[in-house]
Protein backbone atom coordinates (compact mmCIF):
# COMPACT_ATOMS: atom_id res chain seq x y z
CA MET A 1 103.51 69.22 138.98
CA LYS A 2 104.73 72.41 137.35
CA SER A 3 107.76 71.97 135.10
CA SER A 4 110.93 73.91 135.89
CA LYS A 5 112.00 73.84 132.25
CA ARG A 6 112.14 77.18 130.46
CA VAL A 7 111.46 77.64 126.76
CA VAL A 8 113.32 80.06 124.50
CA VAL A 9 113.30 81.01 120.83
CA THR A 10 116.62 80.36 119.07
CA GLY A 11 115.73 80.55 115.37
CA ILE A 12 113.51 82.63 113.09
CA GLY A 13 112.74 81.75 109.45
CA PRO A 14 110.43 84.24 107.70
CA LEU A 15 109.37 83.96 104.07
CA THR A 16 107.38 87.07 103.10
CA SER A 17 106.63 89.53 100.33
CA MET A 18 109.04 91.98 102.02
CA GLY A 19 111.94 89.64 102.42
CA ILE A 20 113.22 86.13 102.93
CA GLY A 21 115.20 85.45 106.07
CA GLN A 22 115.22 87.75 109.06
CA ASN A 23 118.00 90.09 107.91
CA GLU A 24 116.43 90.93 104.56
CA LEU A 25 112.97 91.19 106.08
CA TRP A 26 114.11 93.54 108.84
CA GLN A 27 115.90 95.86 106.42
CA ASN A 28 112.80 96.12 104.24
CA LEU A 29 110.39 96.51 107.15
CA ARG A 30 112.28 99.61 108.22
CA LYS A 31 111.89 101.10 104.73
CA GLU A 32 108.11 101.00 105.32
CA LYS A 33 107.28 100.22 101.69
CA PRO A 34 105.07 97.12 101.42
CA VAL A 35 105.05 95.11 98.20
CA VAL A 36 101.45 94.69 97.02
CA THR A 37 100.50 92.91 93.79
CA ARG A 38 97.26 93.26 91.84
CA GLU A 39 96.20 89.86 90.51
CA THR A 40 93.55 88.96 87.95
CA ILE A 41 92.32 85.37 87.78
CA LYS A 42 90.71 84.19 84.54
CA LEU A 43 88.88 81.02 83.57
CA ASP A 44 89.63 80.58 79.90
CA LYS A 45 89.35 84.26 78.88
CA GLU A 46 86.65 85.25 81.34
CA GLU A 47 87.68 87.27 84.38
CA TRP A 48 86.80 85.59 87.66
CA GLY A 49 88.25 88.07 90.12
CA THR A 50 90.80 90.85 90.54
CA PHE A 51 92.34 91.58 93.93
CA HIS A 52 95.42 92.91 95.70
CA TYR A 53 97.68 90.87 97.95
CA HIS A 54 101.21 90.78 99.37
CA LYS A 55 102.81 88.24 97.04
CA VAL A 56 106.03 86.29 97.52
CA LYS A 57 107.73 86.64 94.14
CA ASN A 58 110.13 84.31 92.34
CA PHE A 59 109.85 81.57 94.95
CA ASN A 60 111.66 78.35 94.07
CA ILE A 61 111.88 75.59 96.67
CA ARG A 62 114.93 74.17 94.93
CA LYS A 63 116.98 77.19 96.05
CA TYR A 64 116.73 76.25 99.73
CA GLY A 65 119.10 73.31 99.88
CA ILE A 66 116.36 70.72 100.30
CA SER A 67 117.20 67.15 99.35
CA PRO A 68 116.29 66.64 95.65
CA GLU A 69 115.27 63.07 96.50
CA ALA A 70 112.76 64.32 99.10
CA LEU A 71 111.28 66.84 96.67
CA GLU A 72 111.06 64.18 93.97
CA TRP A 73 109.27 61.84 96.38
CA ILE A 74 106.69 64.54 97.12
CA LYS A 75 106.27 65.21 93.39
CA ASP A 76 105.70 61.51 92.69
CA TRP A 77 103.22 61.13 95.53
CA LYS A 78 101.28 64.19 94.43
CA GLU A 79 101.36 63.00 90.80
CA GLY A 80 103.03 66.20 89.63
CA ASP A 81 100.77 68.59 91.56
CA GLU A 82 102.66 71.28 93.47
CA THR A 83 101.35 72.57 96.80
CA ILE A 84 103.07 75.91 97.27
CA ASP A 85 101.91 76.16 100.90
CA LEU A 86 103.80 72.95 101.66
CA PHE A 87 106.93 74.33 100.03
CA TYR A 88 106.55 77.56 102.03
CA LEU A 89 106.50 75.46 105.21
CA ILE A 90 109.60 73.50 104.17
CA ALA A 91 111.53 76.62 103.12
CA SER A 92 110.71 78.55 106.30
CA ILE A 93 111.73 75.58 108.48
CA GLN A 94 115.04 75.39 106.61
CA LEU A 95 115.59 79.12 107.20
CA ALA A 96 114.81 78.83 110.93
CA LEU A 97 117.10 75.83 111.43
CA ARG A 98 119.87 77.68 109.61
CA ASP A 99 119.30 80.76 111.79
CA ALA A 100 119.42 78.60 114.93
CA LYS A 101 122.63 76.96 113.66
CA LEU A 102 121.07 73.52 113.84
CA PRO A 103 121.52 70.67 111.36
CA HIS A 104 118.90 70.53 108.63
CA GLU A 105 117.94 67.02 109.61
CA SER A 106 116.92 65.72 113.00
CA SER A 107 119.69 63.57 114.48
CA SER A 108 120.56 61.71 117.68
CA LYS A 109 122.65 64.71 118.78
CA HIS A 110 119.99 67.33 118.04
CA PRO A 111 116.61 65.61 117.63
CA PHE A 112 113.66 67.90 117.05
CA GLY A 113 109.93 67.65 116.61
CA PHE A 114 107.35 69.76 114.79
CA VAL A 115 104.19 71.67 115.39
CA ILE A 116 102.82 72.47 111.93
CA SER A 117 99.91 74.83 111.45
CA HIS A 118 97.75 75.85 108.49
CA GLU A 119 94.09 76.79 108.05
CA ASN A 120 93.21 74.46 105.17
CA ILE A 121 96.30 73.17 103.38
CA ASN A 122 95.55 71.23 100.17
CA LEU A 123 91.80 71.76 100.48
CA LEU A 124 91.45 74.61 98.01
CA SER A 125 93.94 73.14 95.54
CA PHE A 126 91.89 69.92 95.70
CA LEU A 127 88.70 71.90 95.11
CA SER A 128 90.31 73.59 92.11
CA LYS A 129 91.52 70.29 90.68
CA ILE A 130 88.24 68.44 91.09
CA SER A 131 86.31 71.41 89.65
CA ALA A 132 88.54 71.50 86.57
CA LYS A 133 88.27 67.75 85.99
CA ALA A 134 84.51 67.79 86.50
CA TYR A 135 84.15 70.63 84.00
CA ASP A 136 86.28 68.80 81.42
CA LEU A 137 84.17 65.67 81.81
CA PHE A 138 81.00 67.70 81.44
CA ARG A 139 82.29 69.54 78.35
CA ASN A 140 83.73 66.48 76.61
CA HIS A 141 81.10 63.86 77.44
CA LYS A 142 77.95 65.76 78.34
CA LYS A 143 75.18 63.16 78.66
CA SER A 144 77.20 60.14 77.49
CA LEU A 145 78.45 59.38 81.04
CA THR A 146 76.29 57.76 83.68
CA LYS A 147 76.43 59.18 87.18
CA LYS A 148 78.43 56.15 88.35
CA GLN A 149 80.95 56.56 85.52
CA PHE A 150 81.31 60.26 86.33
CA TYR A 151 81.94 59.53 90.03
CA ASP A 152 84.36 56.70 89.27
CA ILE A 153 86.52 58.90 87.02
CA LEU A 154 86.68 61.75 89.55
CA TYR A 155 87.43 59.32 92.38
CA HIS A 156 90.39 57.71 90.61
CA ASP A 157 91.77 60.97 89.18
CA CYS A 158 91.57 62.89 92.46
CA LEU A 159 92.09 60.17 95.07
CA LYS A 160 95.55 61.18 96.25
CA SER A 161 94.72 64.88 96.10
CA GLY A 162 91.72 64.23 98.31
CA TYR A 163 93.75 62.10 100.71
CA ASP A 164 96.30 64.90 101.04
CA THR A 165 93.64 67.26 102.39
CA GLN A 166 94.03 65.45 105.70
CA PRO A 167 96.35 67.54 107.90
CA PHE A 168 98.50 64.60 108.98
CA MET A 169 99.71 64.23 105.41
CA THR A 170 101.32 67.67 105.48
CA LEU A 171 103.03 66.79 108.74
CA PHE A 172 104.17 63.53 107.15
CA HIS A 173 105.66 65.27 104.08
CA VAL A 174 107.50 67.85 106.20
CA ALA A 175 108.78 65.23 108.65
CA LYS A 176 110.05 63.09 105.76
CA VAL A 177 112.01 66.02 104.32
CA PHE A 178 113.75 66.74 107.65
CA ASN A 179 114.11 63.15 108.88
CA VAL A 180 111.99 63.86 111.96
CA HIS A 181 110.97 60.95 114.20
CA GLN A 182 110.16 62.87 117.40
CA PHE A 183 106.71 63.60 118.82
CA SER A 184 105.05 66.07 116.41
CA LEU A 185 101.62 67.57 115.82
CA PHE A 186 99.48 69.45 113.31
CA ILE A 187 97.05 71.96 114.76
CA CYS A 188 94.55 74.45 113.35
CA ASN A 189 92.89 77.27 115.29
CA ALA A 190 92.15 79.74 112.48
CA CYS A 191 94.17 82.99 112.52
CA ALA A 192 95.32 82.35 116.10
CA SER A 193 96.98 79.07 115.08
CA GLY A 194 100.50 80.43 115.50
CA VAL A 195 100.03 81.30 119.17
CA TYR A 196 98.37 77.95 119.86
CA ALA A 197 101.30 76.29 118.08
CA ILE A 198 103.86 78.09 120.25
CA GLU A 199 102.06 77.04 123.41
CA THR A 200 101.80 73.46 122.15
CA GLY A 201 105.50 73.36 121.29
CA ALA A 202 106.42 74.82 124.66
CA GLN A 203 104.35 72.18 126.47
CA MET A 204 106.09 69.45 124.47
CA ILE A 205 109.41 70.78 125.74
CA LYS A 206 108.27 71.27 129.33
CA ASN A 207 106.86 67.75 129.63
CA GLY A 208 110.07 66.21 128.29
CA GLN A 209 108.83 65.00 124.90
CA ASN A 210 111.35 67.18 123.04
CA SER A 211 114.28 69.50 123.73
CA ILE A 212 113.74 71.30 120.41
CA VAL A 213 110.46 71.94 118.60
CA VAL A 214 110.19 73.75 115.28
CA VAL A 215 106.89 75.59 115.05
CA SER A 216 105.83 76.59 111.54
CA ALA A 217 102.86 77.96 109.62
CA ALA A 218 102.12 79.16 106.10
CA ASP A 219 99.45 80.36 103.73
CA LYS A 220 99.20 80.85 99.97
CA THR A 221 96.69 83.35 98.62
CA ASP A 222 93.92 81.76 96.56
CA ILE A 223 90.99 83.06 94.51
CA TYR A 224 88.53 80.99 96.57
CA LYS A 225 89.69 82.65 99.78
CA TYR A 226 89.47 86.08 98.23
CA LEU A 227 85.94 85.52 96.94
CA TRP A 228 84.75 84.41 100.36
CA PHE A 229 86.26 87.37 102.21
CA LYS A 230 84.96 89.70 99.50
CA ASP A 231 81.46 88.29 99.96
CA LEU A 232 81.81 88.86 103.70
CA GLY A 233 82.55 92.52 102.94
CA ILE A 234 85.91 92.60 104.75
CA TYR A 235 88.42 92.57 101.87
CA SER A 236 90.06 95.91 101.13
CA THR A 237 89.11 97.18 97.68
CA ASP A 238 92.26 99.27 97.25
CA GLY A 239 94.80 96.81 98.62
CA VAL A 240 95.58 98.82 101.77
CA ILE A 241 95.19 97.59 105.35
CA ARG A 242 94.40 100.42 107.77
CA PRO A 243 94.24 99.00 111.32
CA PHE A 244 92.04 100.96 113.74
CA ALA A 245 91.71 103.79 111.21
CA GLU A 246 88.79 106.07 110.46
CA ASN A 247 88.93 105.03 106.79
CA SER A 248 89.64 101.30 107.16
CA ASN A 249 87.90 99.11 104.60
CA GLY A 250 89.14 95.58 105.17
CA LEU A 251 92.06 93.21 105.12
CA VAL A 252 94.48 92.14 102.38
CA PHE A 253 96.01 88.68 102.15
CA GLY A 254 99.73 88.01 102.46
CA ASP A 255 101.67 85.09 101.00
CA GLY A 256 104.38 83.35 102.91
CA GLY A 257 105.61 81.01 105.57
CA ILE A 258 107.27 81.27 108.96
CA ALA A 259 109.06 79.00 111.41
CA LEU A 260 110.39 79.51 114.92
CA VAL A 261 112.79 77.21 116.72
CA LEU A 262 111.72 76.65 120.32
CA GLU A 263 114.30 75.15 122.62
CA GLU A 264 114.75 74.20 126.25
CA LEU A 265 116.89 76.92 127.84
CA GLU A 266 119.70 74.74 129.20
CA HIS A 267 119.86 72.80 125.94
CA ALA A 268 120.26 76.09 124.07
CA ARG A 269 122.93 77.35 126.45
CA LYS A 270 124.93 74.14 126.21
CA ARG A 271 125.30 74.61 122.48
CA ASN A 272 125.88 78.37 122.91
CA ALA A 273 122.82 79.27 120.83
CA PHE A 274 121.70 82.85 120.36
CA ILE A 275 118.44 83.44 122.23
CA TYR A 276 115.85 85.88 120.88
CA ALA A 277 113.55 85.69 123.88
CA GLU A 278 112.02 83.47 126.50
CA TYR A 279 108.42 82.38 126.03
CA LEU A 280 106.83 83.12 129.38
CA GLY A 281 103.37 81.78 128.65
CA GLY A 282 100.11 82.08 126.79
CA GLY A 283 96.43 82.59 127.45
CA PHE A 284 93.57 81.20 125.38
CA SER A 285 89.81 81.28 125.16
CA LEU A 286 87.11 80.02 122.83
CA GLU A 287 84.06 82.20 122.33
CA SER A 288 81.93 79.53 120.58
CA TRP A 289 79.51 82.08 119.12
CA GLN A 290 79.80 82.91 115.40
CA VAL A 291 82.41 81.98 112.79
CA THR A 292 83.11 85.25 110.96
CA VAL A 293 82.38 87.95 113.57
CA PRO A 294 83.31 88.25 117.23
CA LYS A 295 80.72 88.67 119.95
CA ILE A 296 80.65 92.36 120.76
CA GLY A 297 80.31 92.76 124.53
CA SER A 298 81.98 89.44 125.29
CA ASP A 299 84.98 89.35 127.64
CA SER A 300 86.49 86.27 125.96
CA TYR A 301 89.43 88.15 124.44
CA GLN A 302 90.15 89.93 127.72
CA THR A 303 90.18 86.55 129.46
CA ALA A 304 92.84 85.19 127.10
CA ILE A 305 95.10 88.23 127.64
CA LEU A 306 94.66 88.24 131.42
CA ASN A 307 95.38 84.50 131.55
CA ALA A 308 98.60 85.06 129.59
CA LEU A 309 99.70 87.70 132.11
CA ALA A 310 98.85 85.45 135.05
CA ARG A 311 100.58 82.38 133.62
CA SER A 312 103.64 84.45 132.75
CA ASN A 313 103.74 85.82 136.30
CA ILE A 314 103.96 89.44 135.16
CA THR A 315 101.76 92.49 135.53
CA LYS A 316 100.29 94.54 132.72
CA LYS A 317 102.61 97.41 133.69
CA GLU A 318 105.62 95.30 132.71
CA VAL A 319 104.49 94.92 129.08
CA ASP A 320 106.44 97.32 126.85
CA PHE A 321 105.01 96.58 123.42
CA VAL A 322 101.89 94.91 122.01
CA CYS A 323 101.30 93.55 118.53
CA PRO A 324 97.52 93.24 118.02
CA HIS A 325 95.62 91.26 115.39
CA GLY A 326 94.98 94.57 113.60
CA VAL A 327 93.12 93.36 110.49
CA GLY A 328 91.62 96.66 109.39
CA ALA A 329 88.05 95.32 109.45
CA ARG A 330 85.88 97.70 111.44
CA VAL A 331 83.90 95.29 113.61
CA ILE A 332 86.93 93.15 114.44
CA ASP A 333 89.07 96.23 115.16
CA TYR A 334 86.38 97.55 117.50
CA TYR A 335 86.21 94.23 119.34
CA GLU A 336 89.98 94.19 119.73
CA SER A 337 90.29 97.82 120.80
CA LYS A 338 87.66 97.24 123.49
CA ALA A 339 89.62 94.28 124.89
CA LEU A 340 92.91 96.17 124.92
CA THR A 341 91.50 99.32 126.53
CA ASP A 342 89.63 97.27 129.12
CA ILE A 343 93.01 95.90 130.25
CA PHE A 344 95.45 98.75 129.66
CA GLY A 345 93.09 101.73 129.92
CA LYS A 346 91.71 104.18 127.35
CA ASN A 347 94.33 105.95 125.19
CA PHE A 348 97.10 104.06 126.98
CA GLN A 349 100.67 105.28 126.46
CA LYS A 350 102.20 102.01 127.66
CA PRO A 351 102.47 99.44 126.25
CA LEU A 352 103.17 100.86 122.82
CA LEU A 353 101.01 99.40 120.05
CA THR A 354 101.83 98.47 116.45
CA ALA A 355 99.97 96.28 113.97
CA PHE A 356 102.16 94.47 111.43
CA LYS A 357 99.66 93.31 108.81
CA PRO A 358 100.05 96.46 106.66
CA TYR A 359 103.65 95.39 106.02
CA ILE A 360 103.19 91.76 104.96
CA GLY A 361 99.43 91.25 104.59
CA HIS A 362 97.19 88.85 106.46
CA ASN A 363 98.74 85.39 106.31
CA LEU A 364 95.56 83.82 107.77
CA GLY A 365 96.61 80.65 109.65
CA GLY A 366 100.24 81.80 109.62
CA SER A 367 99.57 85.41 110.62
CA ALA A 368 100.00 85.15 114.39
CA LEU A 369 103.28 83.26 114.08
CA MET A 370 104.56 85.59 111.35
CA GLU A 371 103.81 88.64 113.46
CA THR A 372 105.36 87.02 116.51
CA ALA A 373 108.58 86.65 114.54
CA ILE A 374 108.57 90.36 113.66
CA LEU A 375 107.74 91.21 117.28
CA LEU A 376 110.77 89.21 118.46
CA MET A 377 112.96 91.00 115.94
CA CYS A 378 111.74 94.32 117.34
CA LEU A 379 112.44 93.09 120.88
CA ASN A 380 115.94 91.99 119.94
CA LYS A 381 116.74 95.31 118.21
CA ASN A 382 114.98 97.57 120.73
CA THR A 383 113.03 99.09 117.87
CA ILE A 384 109.30 99.68 117.55
CA LEU A 385 108.08 99.82 113.98
CA PRO A 386 105.17 102.14 113.18
CA THR A 387 101.70 101.06 112.11
CA LEU A 388 101.39 101.94 108.44
CA ASN A 389 98.38 103.58 106.75
CA THR A 390 96.64 104.67 109.98
CA GLU A 391 96.85 108.43 109.66
CA ILE A 392 93.57 109.13 111.46
CA GLU A 393 92.48 106.70 114.16
CA ARG A 394 88.86 106.13 115.05
CA LYS A 395 88.34 108.18 118.18
CA ASP A 396 85.85 105.75 119.68
CA PHE A 397 88.53 103.03 119.68
CA ASN A 398 90.54 104.98 122.30
CA LEU A 399 93.90 103.68 121.07
CA ASN A 400 97.26 105.31 120.40
CA VAL A 401 99.02 103.40 117.64
CA VAL A 402 102.69 104.06 116.94
CA LYS A 403 103.09 106.13 113.76
CA LYS A 404 106.85 106.70 113.68
CA GLU A 405 109.71 104.33 114.39
CA ILE A 406 110.81 104.44 118.02
CA LYS A 407 114.12 103.32 119.49
CA GLN A 408 113.50 102.18 123.03
CA GLN A 409 114.71 99.57 125.48
CA LEU A 410 112.29 96.64 125.29
CA ASN A 411 112.10 93.79 127.78
CA THR A 412 108.62 92.26 127.61
CA VAL A 413 106.30 92.03 124.60
CA LEU A 414 102.81 90.68 123.97
CA LYS A 415 101.25 89.18 120.85
CA VAL A 416 97.46 88.90 120.74
CA SER A 417 95.12 87.43 118.15
CA CYS A 418 91.33 87.25 117.83
CA ALA A 419 90.53 84.71 115.15
CA PHE A 420 87.51 83.46 113.24
CA ALA A 421 85.34 80.99 115.17
CA GLY A 422 86.21 82.83 118.39
CA PHE A 423 89.73 81.49 118.95
CA ASN A 424 91.37 84.15 121.14
CA ALA A 425 95.02 83.91 122.08
CA ALA A 426 97.83 85.85 123.73
CA ALA A 427 101.53 85.11 124.14
CA ILE A 428 104.18 86.87 126.22
CA PHE A 429 107.91 86.94 125.55
CA LYS A 430 110.76 88.43 127.57
CA LYS A 431 114.31 89.30 126.67
CA ILE A 432 116.90 87.04 128.23
CA GLU A 433 120.64 87.53 128.57
CA ASN A 434 122.74 85.62 126.02
């Protein structure tokens, strides 16, 4: 039986290189001047890698009004190790709850649940820790340790770090901070995770599990991630993302976290909450072909978008504005342009099209949710931001990306994402009267 409950967005909590909180972020987005840092990683004095990324600077979790006892508990559990991604999640959730004018702890009056998303939280920090400890053992003991002794030392020194690589532990830490006891989940669907998380949160509301669900995602740039994307040949050498451009040369990572507050419409209206938009529905598909490249010629992405339109009960002509994945990697951009033009036509004038990654970088598992937040800000302000760095588009893509800010009445917007491992997703939002 189809649920009659409607799901709306009542809070946005962005944490990005261009601003923290929606007001600061919006002001800086309109200045069109991304903040890109050039980072060099060294092991002892030997350079391991130098790369550009959109870095969140001067972040301090203790500035966000989080319970000191909760932070101390996390510190004790992690034996002094700090997982910045976890703190990004916590900070962005705090920002979203504040924006939604909800208490910062779940309560009997306003209980809420979570859908947390991340591509590989704790995994790379664990890899770094175990590598460092293994190297120290090798350097200090050389052949004096037996294999069993070596394994025993690493096991005991890295046990909790290894245990924390399990996704449920991140959900546990976040739930403990915010006193959450409601039905909650952790999901991971690569770069499309944010759209999957929104759909999951909406279903939790529609089936009566929760009246409020906070959906959040984050990613912290890491040398291991950079080296892998560099080896794949899709990391920009000059630190510039150029979506759909003739001279595109890859993506650039972006630090940060994001949270959205999803709420049942009547629940939101009863507490007189401000409503950014209604979530009409999503469409999803799984290509199941390769991990790092999409299947050119497949209609999997088109299927996800068409399913989102059908489930939202709207036509393609009603969509005013689209935010694509827009990574600036040539093969992926081609795949995406083909899907969009198959649906909306070659060189379509409507919907208007802007990619947001040039502003804040590619936040990997948090990217789709981060860009959805910016899309909802555009919807709310009837403003279409331009795509940066795409002066000359590839003609064979048959797209018209927005290059100058446009003020225009917006009612319905679409976020699409084509992720690694073939996770394709689309989500549709519509303005609703407050």
